[in-house]
Amino acid sequence: MNTFQKLKFASLIAGAFLTLFTHSVQGAEFPTRPITLVVPFAAGGGTDSIAREMGKLMSDRLGQPVIVENRGGAGGALGADMVAKAKPDGYTLLFATSTFATNAAISTQLPYDPMNDFAPVAMIGRGPLLLVSSRQLNARNLSELISIGKSRPEGLTYCSAGEGSINHLAGELLRQKTGVSMTHIPFKGSGPATIELLAGRVDVFVATVPTILSHTKDGQLSVLAVTGAKRSPLFPNVPTMAQAGIPNYEVNTWWGVMAPAKTPQTIVDQLNKVINDAAASNLIKSRLQGESAEAIRTTPAGFKKELQQEINLWRSIAASSNLPTK
């Protein structure tokens, strides 16, 4: 090897070490400024509250502020689109819920691809929904609900927080499984839907626990079944759907964090650890337990796999029912 070749070889080796060192330093430096956690719903709701608690715990662990920004609208699509189009550097994240998947199932004109435009980071927790009916319906259990529905020429009505919400598709799945004629009545949020249910102007609601919990304690609504795989500690006497006679009905709501696609894997992995550790804290665990949910720990790949399976499930349900798309 002549002198020129030796110098060239030495230059290549030095360049390689410099690249490795630079990447190492860049990875070690993240984050160097505040992170924005986008909540795709209005401020003040249950999702917003959990996101703010998570943001504080993430901030403590990352050493930088995590600022929650509410960007509601279009069933969560506006906030999700903001994150999908953000720079993939880990500084703009989406606080996603199960509505991210259900909305994708019936929305054919989303401004983003729900799988290809995001990098799932970590799922925080999941919990069941509750099948509740108005007191005016006088259904004491799921069997009586089905009997009442089949005895009426007009069937039953069920409400939701809007087209494409988890309540909407959970209600549609109930219709498919029971064979009862059920008409969907969408509202602009769970609050208005609950008011109509309490007034007896709609019959059934497959509701998230935080939405409906206070109304079940004072007997204003009848809790007929839990949609999870096991009974809820908050309602130990209420059967699961399978125990009540409807097998293969399992629906859960969930919360998780996603980044824009092409975010460096080193940053995704760092955020995954931080979020998993925060979700395992007593603050988040007790908060989720109070809503009949539980904290979970996932890898980015595990979260991505679960998300794809859920989107596929809801899309098949929407297609088999010929649900109108939006």
Protein backbone atom coordinates (compact mmCIF):
# COMPACT_ATOMS: atom_id res chain seq x y z
CA MET A 1 0.00 0.00 0.00
CA ASN A 2 1.57 3.30 -1.09
CA THR A 3 1.48 6.55 0.87
CA PHE A 4 -1.56 7.93 -0.98
CA GLN A 5 -3.54 4.76 -0.37
CA LYS A 6 -2.61 4.81 3.30
CA LEU A 7 -3.79 8.41 3.66
CA LYS A 8 -7.04 7.63 1.86
CA PHE A 9 -7.67 4.59 4.05
CA ALA A 10 -6.96 6.61 7.19
CA SER A 11 -9.35 9.32 5.99
CA LEU A 12 -12.14 6.76 5.44
CA ILE A 13 -11.63 5.28 8.91
CA ALA A 14 -11.68 8.75 10.50
CA GLY A 15 -14.85 9.63 8.61
CA ALA A 16 -16.57 6.47 9.75
CA PHE A 17 -15.70 7.11 13.39
CA LEU A 18 -16.85 10.74 13.07
CA THR A 19 -20.21 9.59 11.67
CA LEU A 20 -20.69 7.09 14.47
CA PHE A 21 -19.71 9.68 17.07
CA THR A 22 -22.04 12.31 15.58
CA HIS A 23 -25.00 9.91 15.54
CA SER A 24 -24.23 8.86 19.09
CA VAL A 25 -24.11 12.45 20.29
CA GLN A 26 -27.30 13.36 18.43
CA GLY A 27 -29.14 10.41 19.95
CA ALA A 28 -27.81 11.24 23.41
CA GLU A 29 -28.85 14.87 23.13
CA PHE A 30 -32.54 14.22 22.45
CA PRO A 31 -34.48 16.13 23.60
CA THR A 32 -32.87 19.56 23.66
CA ARG A 33 -36.12 21.57 23.55
CA PRO A 34 -39.82 21.23 24.48
CA ILE A 35 -41.91 18.41 23.00
CA THR A 36 -45.47 18.97 21.80
CA LEU A 37 -48.00 16.25 22.65
CA VAL A 38 -51.04 16.75 20.41
CA VAL A 39 -54.40 15.69 21.86
CA PRO A 40 -56.87 15.43 18.95
CA PHE A 41 -59.85 16.36 21.12
CA ALA A 42 -61.06 19.40 23.04
CA ALA A 43 -59.55 20.30 26.40
CA GLY A 44 -61.22 19.14 29.58
CA GLY A 45 -62.21 15.59 28.65
CA GLY A 46 -60.93 12.31 30.05
CA THR A 47 -58.42 11.80 27.25
CA ASP A 48 -57.05 15.31 27.73
CA SER A 49 -56.67 14.72 31.46
CA ILE A 50 -54.70 11.49 31.02
CA ALA A 51 -52.51 13.13 28.37
CA ARG A 52 -51.62 15.98 30.71
CA GLU A 53 -50.69 13.56 33.48
CA MET A 54 -48.55 11.59 31.03
CA GLY A 55 -46.97 14.79 29.74
CA LYS A 56 -45.87 15.80 33.22
CA LEU A 57 -44.33 12.39 33.91
CA MET A 58 -42.60 12.35 30.52
CA SER A 59 -41.21 15.82 31.18
CA ASP A 60 -39.77 14.72 34.51
CA ARG A 61 -37.98 11.83 32.82
CA LEU A 62 -36.81 13.66 29.69
CA GLY A 63 -35.69 16.87 31.35
CA GLN A 64 -37.64 19.02 28.89
CA PRO A 65 -41.20 20.41 28.99
CA VAL A 66 -43.88 18.29 27.30
CA ILE A 67 -46.56 20.73 26.18
CA VAL A 68 -50.07 19.41 25.55
CA GLU A 69 -51.75 21.04 22.54
CA ASN A 70 -55.43 20.38 21.92
CA ARG A 71 -56.30 20.14 18.23
CA GLY A 72 -59.85 18.80 18.09
CA GLY A 73 -62.10 18.26 15.11
CA ALA A 74 -63.14 15.69 12.49
CA GLY A 75 -63.24 12.85 15.02
CA GLY A 76 -59.59 13.34 15.89
CA ALA A 77 -58.40 13.54 12.28
CA LEU A 78 -57.28 17.17 12.45
CA GLY A 79 -54.87 16.54 15.29
CA ALA A 80 -53.62 13.31 13.75
CA ASP A 81 -52.99 15.06 10.44
CA MET A 82 -50.96 17.76 12.19
CA VAL A 83 -48.65 15.09 13.62
CA ALA A 84 -48.48 13.09 10.38
CA LYS A 85 -47.15 16.15 8.57
CA ALA A 86 -44.78 17.27 11.35
CA LYS A 87 -41.01 16.95 11.10
CA PRO A 88 -40.07 13.38 12.12
CA ASP A 89 -37.67 14.37 14.88
CA GLY A 90 -39.56 13.28 18.00
CA TYR A 91 -40.63 16.78 18.99
CA THR A 92 -44.27 16.45 17.83
CA LEU A 93 -46.22 13.45 19.11
CA LEU A 94 -49.85 12.29 18.93
CA PHE A 95 -51.80 11.15 21.98
CA ALA A 96 -53.96 8.58 20.20
CA THR A 97 -56.99 6.63 21.38
CA SER A 98 -59.07 3.76 19.99
CA THR A 99 -60.98 6.34 17.92
CA PHE A 100 -57.84 6.60 15.75
CA ALA A 101 -58.57 3.04 14.57
CA THR A 102 -62.36 3.22 14.36
CA ASN A 103 -62.25 6.53 12.51
CA ALA A 104 -59.90 4.96 9.97
CA ALA A 105 -62.39 2.13 9.44
CA ILE A 106 -65.14 4.31 7.98
CA SER A 107 -63.18 7.33 6.72
CA THR A 108 -62.06 6.92 3.12
CA GLN A 109 -60.79 10.47 2.68
CA LEU A 110 -58.45 10.94 5.61
CA PRO A 111 -55.61 13.36 4.83
CA TYR A 112 -53.13 10.75 6.10
CA ASP A 113 -52.51 7.01 5.98
CA PRO A 114 -53.19 5.63 9.48
CA MET A 115 -50.42 3.04 9.24
CA ASN A 116 -47.81 4.43 6.85
CA ASP A 117 -47.72 8.03 8.08
CA PHE A 118 -47.10 7.23 11.76
CA ALA A 119 -44.52 5.46 13.91
CA PRO A 120 -46.33 3.84 16.86
CA VAL A 121 -44.28 4.48 20.00
CA ALA A 122 -46.06 2.92 22.98
CA MET A 123 -49.50 1.92 24.15
CA ILE A 124 -50.26 3.27 27.62
CA GLY A 125 -53.30 1.32 28.74
CA ARG A 126 -56.57 -0.26 27.74
CA GLY A 127 -59.93 -0.91 29.30
CA PRO A 128 -63.43 -2.21 28.50
CA LEU A 129 -66.59 -0.34 27.67
CA LEU A 130 -69.95 -0.78 29.37
CA LEU A 131 -73.21 -1.78 27.70
CA VAL A 132 -75.82 0.39 29.42
CA SER A 133 -79.51 0.97 28.77
CA SER A 134 -82.01 3.61 29.82
CA ARG A 135 -84.11 2.88 32.90
CA GLN A 136 -87.22 3.47 30.81
CA LEU A 137 -86.39 0.38 28.74
CA ASN A 138 -86.70 -1.84 31.84
CA ALA A 139 -84.05 -4.32 30.69
CA ARG A 140 -82.34 -5.98 33.66
CA ASN A 141 -79.85 -8.01 31.63
CA LEU A 142 -78.66 -8.60 28.09
CA SER A 143 -81.19 -11.37 27.41
CA GLU A 144 -84.06 -9.04 28.30
CA LEU A 145 -82.55 -6.30 26.11
CA ILE A 146 -82.48 -8.67 23.14
CA SER A 147 -86.06 -9.81 23.80
CA ILE A 148 -87.33 -6.24 24.03
CA GLY A 149 -85.51 -5.29 20.84
CA LYS A 150 -86.91 -8.24 18.87
CA SER A 151 -90.43 -7.60 20.13
CA ARG A 152 -90.47 -4.05 18.79
CA PRO A 153 -91.20 -3.45 15.11
CA GLU A 154 -88.84 -0.48 15.18
CA GLY A 155 -86.16 -2.31 17.19
CA LEU A 156 -83.82 -0.33 19.44
CA THR A 157 -81.84 2.88 19.15
CA TYR A 158 -78.23 3.25 20.26
CA CYS A 159 -76.28 6.45 20.68
CA SER A 160 -72.63 7.32 20.19
CA ALA A 161 -70.14 10.17 20.44
CA GLY A 162 -70.25 10.49 16.65
CA GLU A 163 -69.79 8.65 13.36
CA GLY A 164 -66.69 6.49 13.50
CA SER A 165 -66.33 6.63 17.28
CA ILE A 166 -65.59 3.52 19.34
CA ASN A 167 -69.19 3.69 20.66
CA HIS A 168 -70.55 3.69 17.13
CA LEU A 169 -68.71 0.60 15.92
CA ALA A 170 -69.12 -1.23 19.24
CA GLY A 171 -72.88 -0.68 18.88
CA GLU A 172 -72.77 -1.91 15.30
CA LEU A 173 -70.93 -5.04 16.41
CA LEU A 174 -73.64 -5.59 19.03
CA ARG A 175 -76.30 -5.34 16.32
CA GLN A 176 -74.47 -7.90 14.21
CA LYS A 177 -73.97 -10.34 17.08
CA THR A 178 -77.53 -10.18 18.45
CA GLY A 179 -79.53 -9.87 15.23
CA VAL A 180 -81.62 -7.11 16.82
CA SER A 181 -82.66 -4.23 14.60
CA MET A 182 -80.78 -1.21 15.97
CA THR A 183 -80.70 2.36 14.67
CA HIS A 184 -77.59 4.45 15.26
CA ILE A 185 -78.13 7.96 16.66
CA PRO A 186 -74.83 9.90 16.58
CA PHE A 187 -74.15 12.95 18.74
CA LYS A 188 -71.33 15.48 18.90
CA GLY A 189 -69.61 13.92 21.87
CA SER A 190 -70.37 11.50 24.69
CA GLY A 191 -71.89 14.23 26.87
CA PRO A 192 -74.93 14.94 24.67
CA ALA A 193 -75.35 11.21 24.01
CA THR A 194 -75.48 10.51 27.73
CA ILE A 195 -78.09 13.22 28.29
CA GLU A 196 -80.38 11.67 25.69
CA LEU A 197 -79.87 8.20 27.18
CA LEU A 198 -80.72 9.45 30.69
CA ALA A 199 -83.86 11.07 29.33
CA GLY A 200 -84.93 7.80 27.69
CA ARG A 201 -84.90 9.25 24.19
CA VAL A 202 -82.41 6.58 23.12
CA ASP A 203 -82.26 3.02 24.40
CA VAL A 204 -78.66 1.81 24.50
CA PHE A 205 -75.11 3.13 24.76
CA VAL A 206 -71.84 1.16 24.60
CA ALA A 207 -69.99 3.76 26.62
CA THR A 208 -66.52 4.31 27.99
CA VAL A 209 -66.35 3.91 31.76
CA PRO A 210 -65.40 7.55 32.57
CA THR A 211 -68.35 8.80 30.52
CA ILE A 212 -70.96 6.79 32.32
CA LEU A 213 -69.56 5.81 35.73
CA SER A 214 -71.24 8.48 37.85
CA HIS A 215 -74.65 7.70 36.34
CA THR A 216 -74.39 3.99 37.13
CA LYS A 217 -73.70 4.49 40.82
CA ASP A 218 -76.99 6.25 41.52
CA GLY A 219 -79.11 3.84 39.48
CA GLN A 220 -79.94 6.21 36.66
CA LEU A 221 -78.81 3.65 34.08
CA SER A 222 -78.75 -0.14 33.90
CA VAL A 223 -75.34 -1.76 33.37
CA LEU A 224 -75.96 -4.94 31.38
CA ALA A 225 -72.50 -6.18 30.38
CA VAL A 226 -68.78 -5.39 30.23
CA THR A 227 -67.15 -5.57 26.79
CA GLY A 228 -63.74 -6.82 27.97
CA ALA A 229 -62.43 -10.35 28.32
CA LYS A 230 -62.94 -10.33 32.09
CA ARG A 231 -65.25 -8.71 34.60
CA SER A 232 -64.48 -5.23 35.81
CA PRO A 233 -63.36 -4.76 39.43
CA LEU A 234 -65.67 -1.75 39.49
CA PHE A 235 -68.66 -3.93 38.49
CA PRO A 236 -67.90 -7.42 39.84
CA ASN A 237 -71.52 -8.53 39.50
CA VAL A 238 -71.84 -7.48 35.86
CA PRO A 239 -71.03 -10.24 33.33
CA THR A 240 -68.83 -9.94 30.29
CA MET A 241 -70.50 -10.14 26.90
CA ALA A 242 -69.42 -13.76 26.57
CA GLN A 243 -70.82 -14.62 29.99
CA ALA A 244 -74.05 -12.86 29.06
CA GLY A 245 -74.47 -15.03 25.99
CA ILE A 246 -72.61 -13.23 23.17
CA PRO A 247 -69.32 -15.02 22.42
CA ASN A 248 -66.46 -13.43 20.46
CA TYR A 249 -67.47 -9.93 21.48
CA GLU A 250 -64.51 -8.13 22.98
CA VAL A 251 -64.05 -4.38 22.61
CA ASN A 252 -61.56 -2.22 24.46
CA THR A 253 -60.70 1.43 24.42
CA TRP A 254 -57.02 2.32 24.62
CA TRP A 255 -54.54 5.19 24.81
CA GLY A 256 -51.12 5.44 23.19
CA VAL A 257 -48.48 7.75 21.76
CA MET A 258 -47.45 7.94 18.10
CA ALA A 259 -44.80 9.89 16.20
CA PRO A 260 -44.57 10.87 12.54
CA ALA A 261 -43.31 8.17 10.20
CA LYS A 262 -39.54 8.13 9.62
CA THR A 263 -38.78 9.33 13.14
CA PRO A 264 -35.33 7.85 13.92
CA GLN A 265 -35.62 4.48 15.63
CA THR A 266 -33.24 5.56 18.39
CA ILE A 267 -35.65 8.36 19.34
CA VAL A 268 -38.70 6.08 19.08
CA ASP A 269 -37.01 3.57 21.38
CA GLN A 270 -36.03 6.28 23.86
CA LEU A 271 -39.58 7.62 23.96
CA ASN A 272 -40.94 4.08 24.27
CA LYS A 273 -38.98 3.50 27.46
CA VAL A 274 -39.95 6.86 28.92
CA ILE A 275 -43.65 6.35 28.16
CA ASN A 276 -43.67 2.76 29.45
CA ASP A 277 -42.01 3.88 32.68
CA ALA A 278 -44.49 6.74 33.09
CA ALA A 279 -47.44 4.40 32.47
CA ALA A 280 -46.12 2.08 35.17
CA SER A 281 -46.10 4.89 37.75
CA ASN A 282 -48.60 4.77 40.61
CA LEU A 283 -50.24 7.96 39.31
CA ILE A 284 -51.16 6.50 35.92
CA LYS A 285 -51.88 3.00 37.20
CA SER A 286 -54.30 4.28 39.84
CA ARG A 287 -55.90 6.68 37.36
CA LEU A 288 -56.52 3.88 34.88
CA GLN A 289 -57.77 1.50 37.58
CA GLY A 290 -60.32 4.13 38.54
CA GLU A 291 -61.67 3.83 35.01
CA SER A 292 -61.64 0.01 34.99
CA ALA A 293 -58.57 0.07 32.75
CA GLU A 294 -55.03 -1.17 33.22
CA ALA A 295 -51.59 0.08 32.27
CA ILE A 296 -49.74 -2.02 29.71
CA ARG A 297 -46.20 -2.16 28.37
CA THR A 298 -45.55 -2.57 24.64
CA THR A 299 -42.68 -2.29 22.21
CA PRO A 300 -43.10 -0.03 19.17
CA ALA A 301 -43.41 -3.15 17.00
CA GLY A 302 -45.98 -4.66 19.35
CA PHE A 303 -48.07 -1.50 19.32
CA LYS A 304 -47.92 -1.36 15.53
CA LYS A 305 -49.09 -4.96 15.24
CA GLU A 306 -52.04 -4.38 17.61
CA LEU A 307 -53.00 -1.20 15.77
CA GLN A 308 -53.03 -2.93 12.39
CA GLN A 309 -55.14 -5.79 13.75
CA GLU A 310 -57.65 -3.38 15.25
CA ILE A 311 -57.97 -1.29 12.09
CA ASN A 312 -58.50 -4.49 10.08
CA LEU A 313 -61.18 -5.67 12.54
CA TRP A 314 -63.19 -2.45 12.44
CA ARG A 315 -62.87 -2.20 8.67
CA SER A 316 -64.29 -5.70 8.28
CA ILE A 317 -67.19 -4.86 10.60
CA ALA A 318 -67.90 -1.64 8.72
CA ALA A 319 -67.74 -3.41 5.35
CA SER A 320 -69.99 -6.31 6.38
CA SER A 321 -72.62 -3.81 7.55
CA ASN A 322 -72.33 -1.53 4.55
CA LEU A 323 -71.81 1.40 6.88
CA PRO A 324 -71.71 4.74 5.07
CA THR A 325 -68.20 6.10 4.72
CA LYS A 326 -67.15 9.68 5.21
